[in-house]
Amino acid sequence: MAKDIFRTPLAAVRWAHLITPRHQLDKAKPLAWTCDLLLPSNDQQAQSFLLAMEDQFIALHGSRKRRAEKGFPWKADRERPSEITVLRFKVPQFLRRDGSLSEGPRIVDAKKQPWGGAAIGNGSKLIAAFDIYDWDGENGCGMTFQPRAIQVVDYIPYEQLDPTEGFAEVEGYSPGPAEAVASQASSPAPNHAPRKPTPTWSAASDSNDQEVPF
């Protein structure tokens, strides 16, 4: 049975790992696609969305079950707790029966055209379509929002700072072209001694054909 799909209001994103999955804090867990959406506390649509998600929690777990400490996938922002609610999304990558890896959320632009693959920077605004994974644990129950599709409405490129950008050219050592050529000429010749053949290993077949975490 297909799960219901929900959609968030348009919101700014932070720490978007939606193009390629990332390592989780627990390295034993599979890679995952993740992102945080920042919902303003003074936005009525955002607050109505959170109330609707609380209703979904009750629909999934009932009103009497104990909610785990992290049972809701949202919390107040650490730096601006009275202004921002951080909504968290995560879907793990898993190994299919045929040996292929599962794919991440489908991403489109504002015109619903396929995304070109560029990393999504902090402050970009998007709408997330997701389903809910409900879970029970020793310390209570909860739910995880699993992103299935992303619409990027306002794009800010991800930029990685060049750590050498603050340097200025100064007087000092710099190898000239002649010195670089001489250095290469004086380098020892590579060792062409025959290498021992590397054994080829074949993977043992796995009788478990269920989909398992990668």
Protein backbone atom coordinates (compact mmCIF):
# COMPACT_ATOMS: atom_id res chain seq x y z
CA MET A 1 0.00 0.00 0.00
CA ALA A 2 1.42 3.37 -1.03
CA LYS A 3 2.05 5.86 1.73
CA ASP A 4 0.40 9.26 1.81
CA ILE A 5 2.50 12.12 0.44
CA PHE A 6 2.61 15.42 2.31
CA ARG A 7 4.05 18.77 1.26
CA THR A 8 5.71 21.49 3.26
CA PRO A 9 5.19 25.21 2.89
CA LEU A 10 7.88 27.06 0.96
CA ALA A 11 10.82 27.51 3.34
CA ALA A 12 14.55 28.17 3.46
CA VAL A 13 16.80 25.11 3.58
CA ARG A 14 19.96 24.45 5.55
CA TRP A 15 22.55 21.65 5.25
CA ALA A 16 20.95 20.16 2.12
CA HIS A 17 22.50 16.78 1.24
CA LEU A 18 20.00 15.96 -1.48
CA ILE A 19 22.24 15.34 -4.50
CA THR A 20 24.41 12.63 -2.96
CA PRO A 21 23.80 10.85 0.36
CA ARG A 22 26.04 11.59 3.35
CA HIS A 23 27.41 9.63 6.28
CA GLN A 24 25.27 9.67 9.39
CA LEU A 25 26.70 10.32 12.84
CA ASP A 26 26.56 6.59 13.49
CA LYS A 27 28.89 5.30 10.76
CA ALA A 28 27.32 1.85 11.09
CA LYS A 29 24.09 3.23 9.64
CA PRO A 30 23.59 3.54 5.86
CA LEU A 31 24.23 6.72 3.93
CA ALA A 32 21.25 9.07 3.86
CA TRP A 33 19.82 12.06 1.99
CA THR A 34 19.06 14.79 4.51
CA CYS A 35 18.12 18.45 4.85
CA ASP A 36 16.70 20.91 7.37
CA LEU A 37 13.86 23.32 6.56
CA LEU A 38 13.57 26.53 8.60
CA LEU A 39 9.97 27.39 9.45
CA PRO A 40 9.39 30.94 10.79
CA SER A 41 7.44 31.01 14.06
CA ASN A 42 5.44 34.04 12.89
CA ASP A 43 4.29 32.36 9.67
CA GLN A 44 0.71 31.12 9.98
CA GLN A 45 1.02 28.59 7.17
CA ALA A 46 4.11 27.07 8.76
CA GLN A 47 2.44 26.78 12.17
CA SER A 48 -0.68 25.23 10.64
CA PHE A 49 1.56 22.68 8.95
CA LEU A 50 3.15 21.70 12.29
CA LEU A 51 -0.27 21.31 13.91
CA ALA A 52 -1.34 19.05 11.03
CA MET A 53 1.79 16.93 11.56
CA GLU A 54 0.95 16.56 15.26
CA ASP A 55 -2.43 15.21 14.16
CA GLN A 56 -0.61 12.73 11.90
CA PHE A 57 1.42 11.53 14.87
CA ILE A 58 -1.80 10.77 16.76
CA ALA A 59 -3.28 9.08 13.69
CA LEU A 60 -0.23 6.81 13.44
CA HIS A 61 0.43 6.07 17.12
CA GLY A 62 -2.75 6.98 18.98
CA SER A 63 -3.05 9.54 21.75
CA ARG A 64 -1.86 7.33 24.62
CA LYS A 65 1.52 6.14 23.41
CA ARG A 66 4.59 7.73 24.89
CA ARG A 67 6.41 9.99 22.43
CA ALA A 68 10.18 9.59 22.33
CA GLU A 69 12.40 12.58 23.06
CA LYS A 70 13.04 12.93 19.32
CA GLY A 71 9.64 11.58 18.29
CA PHE A 72 8.78 14.76 16.40
CA PRO A 73 11.20 15.49 13.51
CA TRP A 74 11.30 19.18 14.40
CA LYS A 75 12.63 21.35 17.20
CA ALA A 76 13.39 24.98 18.02
CA ASP A 77 16.47 26.40 16.34
CA ARG A 78 19.49 26.51 18.66
CA GLU A 79 20.45 30.11 17.87
CA ARG A 80 16.96 31.57 17.34
CA PRO A 81 14.59 29.31 19.31
CA SER A 82 11.74 31.83 19.47
CA GLU A 83 11.92 32.65 15.75
CA ILE A 84 12.68 29.43 13.86
CA THR A 85 11.50 25.81 14.00
CA VAL A 86 13.90 23.36 12.32
CA LEU A 87 12.13 20.63 10.36
CA ARG A 88 14.35 17.62 9.64
CA PHE A 89 14.18 15.19 6.72
CA LYS A 90 16.06 11.95 6.20
CA VAL A 91 15.77 8.95 3.90
CA PRO A 92 18.45 6.22 4.00
CA GLN A 93 20.00 4.54 1.01
CA PHE A 94 19.47 0.78 0.83
CA LEU A 95 20.53 -2.17 -1.26
CA ARG A 96 17.84 -3.65 -3.49
CA ARG A 97 17.39 -7.35 -4.17
CA ASP A 98 19.04 -7.02 -7.58
CA GLY A 99 22.15 -5.46 -6.01
CA SER A 100 21.43 -1.88 -7.10
CA LEU A 101 21.29 1.04 -4.70
CA SER A 102 18.12 3.00 -4.02
CA GLU A 103 17.85 6.52 -5.43
CA GLY A 104 17.40 9.76 -3.56
CA PRO A 105 14.54 12.25 -3.81
CA ARG A 106 13.59 13.54 -7.23
CA ILE A 107 14.52 17.22 -7.59
CA VAL A 108 12.93 19.75 -9.95
CA ASP A 109 13.20 23.50 -10.40
CA ALA A 110 10.46 26.12 -10.10
CA LYS A 111 9.12 25.13 -13.55
CA LYS A 112 9.12 21.41 -12.60
CA GLN A 113 12.07 20.72 -14.90
CA PRO A 114 14.64 18.09 -13.80
CA TRP A 115 17.40 19.50 -11.60
CA GLY A 116 20.84 19.76 -13.20
CA GLY A 117 22.73 18.26 -10.27
CA ALA A 118 24.16 21.42 -8.69
CA ALA A 119 24.55 21.36 -4.91
CA ILE A 120 21.86 23.35 -3.09
CA GLY A 121 23.26 26.06 -0.83
CA ASN A 122 22.00 27.35 2.52
CA GLY A 123 19.21 29.87 2.16
CA SER A 124 17.73 28.33 -0.98
CA LYS A 125 13.96 28.08 -0.73
CA LEU A 126 12.15 24.87 -1.57
CA ILE A 127 9.06 22.76 -1.08
CA ALA A 128 9.53 19.17 0.09
CA ALA A 129 7.17 16.30 -0.73
CA PHE A 130 7.60 13.50 1.81
CA ASP A 131 6.08 10.43 3.37
CA ILE A 132 6.15 9.49 7.05
CA TYR A 133 7.97 6.52 8.54
CA ASP A 134 6.47 5.74 11.95
CA TRP A 135 8.59 3.85 14.46
CA ASP A 136 8.53 2.44 17.98
CA GLY A 137 11.54 2.23 20.26
CA GLU A 138 12.45 1.38 23.85
CA ASN A 139 12.05 5.02 24.91
CA GLY A 140 8.88 5.78 23.02
CA CYS A 141 7.52 6.20 19.52
CA GLY A 142 8.05 8.75 16.79
CA MET A 143 8.07 9.50 13.10
CA THR A 144 10.62 10.37 10.43
CA PHE A 145 9.93 12.57 7.42
CA GLN A 146 11.36 10.90 4.30
CA PRO A 147 11.87 13.30 1.35
CA ARG A 148 10.59 11.89 -1.95
CA ALA A 149 10.62 14.99 -4.16
CA ILE A 150 12.02 18.50 -3.88
CA GLN A 151 11.02 21.64 -5.78
CA VAL A 152 13.71 24.33 -5.67
CA VAL A 153 11.96 27.69 -6.02
CA ASP A 154 14.73 30.10 -5.02
CA TYR A 155 18.25 28.82 -5.65
CA ILE A 156 21.45 29.90 -3.89
CA PRO A 157 24.58 28.05 -5.11
CA TYR A 158 26.67 26.15 -2.62
CA GLU A 159 30.05 27.86 -2.39
CA GLN A 160 33.14 26.38 -0.80
CA LEU A 161 35.59 29.02 0.37
CA ASP A 162 39.15 28.89 -0.93
CA PRO A 163 41.39 28.80 2.19
CA THR A 164 44.23 30.51 0.26
CA GLU A 165 42.07 33.47 -0.74
CA GLY A 166 43.33 35.67 2.12
CA PHE A 167 46.98 35.33 1.06
CA ALA A 168 48.81 38.05 -0.87
CA GLU A 169 51.78 37.56 -3.22
CA VAL A 170 54.98 38.37 -1.34
CA GLU A 171 58.71 38.22 -2.04
CA GLY A 172 60.07 34.73 -1.38
CA TYR A 173 60.53 31.26 -2.72
CA SER A 174 58.74 30.14 -5.88
CA PRO A 175 60.24 27.54 -8.24
CA GLY A 176 60.82 28.87 -11.75
CA PRO A 177 60.15 26.81 -14.88
CA ALA A 178 63.83 25.78 -15.22
CA GLU A 179 63.99 24.58 -11.62
CA ALA A 180 60.79 22.60 -12.00
CA VAL A 181 62.16 20.85 -15.13
CA ALA A 182 65.47 20.08 -13.40
CA SER A 183 63.63 18.65 -10.41
CA GLN A 184 61.67 16.30 -12.66
CA ALA A 185 64.85 15.21 -14.51
CA SER A 186 66.63 14.35 -11.25
CA SER A 187 63.76 12.26 -9.94
CA PRO A 188 64.59 8.50 -9.76
CA ALA A 189 63.29 6.34 -12.58
CA PRO A 190 60.21 4.34 -11.74
CA ASN A 191 60.67 0.74 -10.73
CA HIS A 192 59.45 -1.50 -13.57
CA ALA A 193 60.01 -4.76 -11.74
CA PRO A 194 57.28 -7.29 -12.51
CA ARG A 195 54.45 -7.25 -10.03
CA LYS A 196 52.89 -10.32 -8.56
CA PRO A 197 49.43 -11.03 -9.92
CA THR A 198 46.60 -9.86 -7.72
CA PRO A 199 44.16 -12.62 -6.82
CA THR A 200 40.61 -12.14 -8.02
CA TRP A 201 37.93 -12.71 -5.41
CA SER A 202 34.36 -13.64 -6.19
CA ALA A 203 31.55 -12.49 -3.93
CA ALA A 204 29.71 -15.21 -2.09
CA SER A 205 26.02 -15.44 -2.91
CA ASP A 206 23.60 -14.24 -0.24
CA SER A 207 20.56 -16.36 0.33
CA ASN A 208 18.74 -13.43 1.94
CA ASP A 209 16.87 -11.71 -0.91
CA GLN A 210 15.22 -9.10 1.29
CA GLU A 211 16.10 -5.42 0.85
CA VAL A 212 18.67 -4.59 3.51
CA PRO A 213 20.32 -1.33 4.59
CA PHE A 214 23.53 -0.57 2.73
